[in-house]
């Protein structure tokens, strides 16, 4: 049974930083594409950042230059370093893993940025 568990969310002032972590249980973590998505109240879930199994990355336009996604295959963990946070970054952040169409989501972690 695959599970994704996010951590690291919280309340931060605008301009501050947070680092989110997502641990994936199960085997073959290194073969999975991993991603972070977010959903603000009343809005659709949107892509924040992706990292492929070979380490290629892609970012949503609103976070480019501020957020960095990385992975540690030895720890089955993907990270999201978030700098220069803005109030509009406030959302529930979800971790996703995907391989050959098999998709799993975490339960989400709340990030709140105060102005």
C-alpha atoms as a PDB file:
ATOM      1  CA  UNK A   1       0.000   0.000   0.000  1.00  0.00           C
ATOM      2  CA  UNK A   2       1.464   3.306  -1.108  1.00  0.00           C
ATOM      3  CA  UNK A   3       1.073   6.282   1.185  1.00  0.00           C
ATOM      4  CA  UNK A   4       2.288   9.837   0.839  1.00  0.00           C
ATOM      5  CA  UNK A   5       2.698  11.881   4.001  1.00  0.00           C
ATOM      6  CA  UNK A   6       3.365  15.603   3.788  1.00  0.00           C
ATOM      7  CA  UNK A   7       4.777  17.759   6.550  1.00  0.00           C
ATOM      8  CA  UNK A   8       6.276  21.187   7.065  1.00  0.00           C
ATOM      9  CA  UNK A   9       3.281  23.418   6.532  1.00  0.00           C
ATOM     10  CA  UNK A  10       2.345  26.213   8.870  1.00  0.00           C
ATOM     11  CA  UNK A  11       1.865  29.930   9.315  1.00  0.00           C
ATOM     12  CA  UNK A  12       4.530  32.305   8.043  1.00  0.00           C
ATOM     13  CA  UNK A  13       4.759  36.018   7.350  1.00  0.00           C
ATOM     14  CA  UNK A  14       5.041  37.347   3.835  1.00  0.00           C
ATOM     15  CA  UNK A  15       8.631  37.202   2.655  1.00  0.00           C
ATOM     16  CA  UNK A  16       9.384  34.200   4.813  1.00  0.00           C
ATOM     17  CA  UNK A  17      10.307  30.639   3.924  1.00  0.00           C
ATOM     18  CA  UNK A  18       9.040  27.122   4.530  1.00  0.00           C
ATOM     19  CA  UNK A  19      10.223  23.692   3.450  1.00  0.00           C
ATOM     20  CA  UNK A  20       7.676  20.999   2.789  1.00  0.00           C
ATOM     21  CA  UNK A  21       8.525  17.312   2.859  1.00  0.00           C
ATOM     22  CA  UNK A  22       6.682  14.330   1.445  1.00  0.00           C
ATOM     23  CA  UNK A  23       7.620  10.777   2.319  1.00  0.00           C
ATOM     24  CA  UNK A  24       6.384   8.018   0.020  1.00  0.00           C
ATOM     25  CA  UNK A  25       6.016   4.524   1.408  1.00  0.00           C
ATOM     26  CA  UNK A  26       6.343   1.475  -0.798  1.00  0.00           C
ATOM     27  CA  UNK A  27       9.019   0.449  -3.224  1.00  0.00           C
ATOM     28  CA  UNK A  28      10.509   2.010  -6.337  1.00  0.00           C
ATOM     29  CA  UNK A  29      10.382   5.620  -5.161  1.00  0.00           C
ATOM     30  CA  UNK A  30      13.212   6.550  -7.506  1.00  0.00           C
ATOM     31  CA  UNK A  31      11.184   5.465 -10.541  1.00  0.00           C
ATOM     32  CA  UNK A  32       8.273   7.748  -9.711  1.00  0.00           C
ATOM     33  CA  UNK A  33       7.693  11.241 -10.965  1.00  0.00           C
ATOM     34  CA  UNK A  34       6.895  13.408  -7.952  1.00  0.00           C
ATOM     35  CA  UNK A  35       4.990  16.646  -7.770  1.00  0.00           C
ATOM     36  CA  UNK A  36       3.586  19.328  -5.531  1.00  0.00           C
ATOM     37  CA  UNK A  37       0.180  20.833  -6.162  1.00  0.00           C
ATOM     38  CA  UNK A  38      -1.867  23.327  -4.211  1.00  0.00           C
ATOM     39  CA  UNK A  39      -5.483  24.262  -3.785  1.00  0.00           C
ATOM     40  CA  UNK A  40      -6.724  27.524  -2.347  1.00  0.00           C
ATOM     41  CA  UNK A  41     -10.321  27.951  -1.122  1.00  0.00           C
ATOM     42  CA  UNK A  42     -12.700  28.290  -4.044  1.00  0.00           C
ATOM     43  CA  UNK A  43     -10.004  27.548  -6.595  1.00  0.00           C
ATOM     44  CA  UNK A  44      -8.956  24.537  -8.622  1.00  0.00           C
ATOM     45  CA  UNK A  45      -5.941  22.482  -7.694  1.00  0.00           C
ATOM     46  CA  UNK A  46      -2.898  23.741  -9.578  1.00  0.00           C
ATOM     47  CA  UNK A  47       0.602  22.557 -10.316  1.00  0.00           C
ATOM     48  CA  UNK A  48       3.348  24.009  -8.163  1.00  0.00           C
ATOM     49  CA  UNK A  49       6.362  21.917  -9.155  1.00  0.00           C
ATOM     50  CA  UNK A  50       7.305  18.583 -10.695  1.00  0.00           C
ATOM     51  CA  UNK A  51      10.452  16.507 -10.567  1.00  0.00           C
ATOM     52  CA  UNK A  52      10.844  13.481 -12.801  1.00  0.00           C
ATOM     53  CA  UNK A  53      12.504  10.204 -11.973  1.00  0.00           C
ATOM     54  CA  UNK A  54      15.685  11.483 -13.632  1.00  0.00           C
ATOM     55  CA  UNK A  55      15.617  14.833 -11.857  1.00  0.00           C
ATOM     56  CA  UNK A  56      14.155  17.155 -14.475  1.00  0.00           C
ATOM     57  CA  UNK A  57      12.039  19.886 -12.952  1.00  0.00           C
ATOM     58  CA  UNK A  58       9.128  22.057 -13.989  1.00  0.00           C
ATOM     59  CA  UNK A  59       7.389  24.877 -12.127  1.00  0.00           C
ATOM     60  CA  UNK A  60       4.139  26.752 -12.209  1.00  0.00           C
ATOM     61  CA  UNK A  61       4.576  30.288 -13.494  1.00  0.00           C
ATOM     62  CA  UNK A  62       3.561  31.884 -10.213  1.00  0.00           C
ATOM     63  CA  UNK A  63       6.350  30.193  -8.228  1.00  0.00           C
ATOM     64  CA  UNK A  64       9.265  30.242 -10.670  1.00  0.00           C
ATOM     65  CA  UNK A  65      12.352  31.715  -9.080  1.00  0.00           C
ATOM     66  CA  UNK A  66      10.935  31.389  -5.560  1.00  0.00           C
ATOM     67  CA  UNK A  67      10.288  27.679  -5.051  1.00  0.00           C
ATOM     68  CA  UNK A  68      12.641  24.737  -5.539  1.00  0.00           C
ATOM     69  CA  UNK A  69      11.674  21.079  -5.749  1.00  0.00           C
ATOM     70  CA  UNK A  70      14.187  18.360  -4.948  1.00  0.00           C
ATOM     71  CA  UNK A  71      14.239  14.691  -4.080  1.00  0.00           C
ATOM     72  CA  UNK A  72      16.267  12.310  -1.958  1.00  0.00           C
ATOM     73  CA  UNK A  73      15.767   8.800  -3.299  1.00  0.00           C
ATOM     74  CA  UNK A  74      17.614   7.252  -0.370  1.00  0.00           C
ATOM     75  CA  UNK A  75      14.976   8.719   1.962  1.00  0.00           C
ATOM     76  CA  UNK A  76      11.961   8.236  -0.327  1.00  0.00           C
ATOM     77  CA  UNK A  77      11.337  11.937   0.108  1.00  0.00           C
ATOM     78  CA  UNK A  78      10.548  14.903  -2.086  1.00  0.00           C
ATOM     79  CA  UNK A  79      10.973  18.450  -0.836  1.00  0.00           C
ATOM     80  CA  UNK A  80       9.591  21.844  -1.729  1.00  0.00           C
ATOM     81  CA  UNK A  81      11.664  24.801  -0.586  1.00  0.00           C
ATOM     82  CA  UNK A  82       9.483  27.892  -0.639  1.00  0.00           C
ATOM     83  CA  UNK A  83      11.110  31.305  -0.372  1.00  0.00           C
ATOM     84  CA  UNK A  84       9.778  34.852  -0.637  1.00  0.00           C
ATOM     85  CA  UNK A  85       6.328  33.629   0.273  1.00  0.00           C
ATOM     86  CA  UNK A  86       3.328  35.766  -0.605  1.00  0.00           C
ATOM     87  CA  UNK A  87      -0.209  35.801   0.811  1.00  0.00           C
ATOM     88  CA  UNK A  88      -1.427  34.369  -2.489  1.00  0.00           C
ATOM     89  CA  UNK A  89       0.649  31.241  -1.801  1.00  0.00           C
ATOM     90  CA  UNK A  90      -1.812  30.372   0.951  1.00  0.00           C
ATOM     91  CA  UNK A  91      -3.304  26.978   0.151  1.00  0.00           C
ATOM     92  CA  UNK A  92      -3.335  23.312   1.018  1.00  0.00           C
ATOM     93  CA  UNK A  93      -0.283  21.744  -0.581  1.00  0.00           C
ATOM     94  CA  UNK A  94      -0.523  18.180  -1.846  1.00  0.00           C
ATOM     95  CA  UNK A  95       2.156  15.716  -2.830  1.00  0.00           C
ATOM     96  CA  UNK A  96       1.630  13.417  -5.800  1.00  0.00           C
ATOM     97  CA  UNK A  97       3.505  10.428  -7.151  1.00  0.00           C
ATOM     98  CA  UNK A  98       3.009   8.940 -10.582  1.00  0.00           C
ATOM     99  CA  UNK A  99       4.430   6.025 -12.528  1.00  0.00           C
ATOM    100  CA  UNK A 100       2.875   4.324 -15.530  1.00  0.00           C
ATOM    101  CA  UNK A 101      -0.488   5.917 -14.762  1.00  0.00           C
ATOM    102  CA  UNK A 102      -0.512   4.810 -11.144  1.00  0.00           C
ATOM    103  CA  UNK A 103      -1.207   8.022  -9.225  1.00  0.00           C
ATOM    104  CA  UNK A 104      -1.198   8.578  -5.483  1.00  0.00           C
ATOM    105  CA  UNK A 105      -1.921  11.722  -3.458  1.00  0.00           C
ATOM    106  CA  UNK A 106      -1.062  12.754   0.048  1.00  0.00           C
ATOM    107  CA  UNK A 107      -3.563  14.198   2.490  1.00  0.00           C
ATOM    108  CA  UNK A 108      -2.199  17.721   2.166  1.00  0.00           C
ATOM    109  CA  UNK A 109      -0.549  20.235   4.441  1.00  0.00           C
ATOM    110  CA  UNK A 110      -1.802  23.757   5.064  1.00  0.00           C
ATOM    111  CA  UNK A 111       0.405  26.730   4.253  1.00  0.00           C
ATOM    112  CA  UNK A 112      -0.811  30.127   5.392  1.00  0.00           C
ATOM    113  CA  UNK A 113       1.080  33.313   4.535  1.00  0.00           C
ATOM    114  CA  UNK A 114       0.092  36.411   6.448  1.00  0.00           C
ATOM    115  CA  UNK A 115       0.557  39.918   5.060  1.00  0.00           C
END
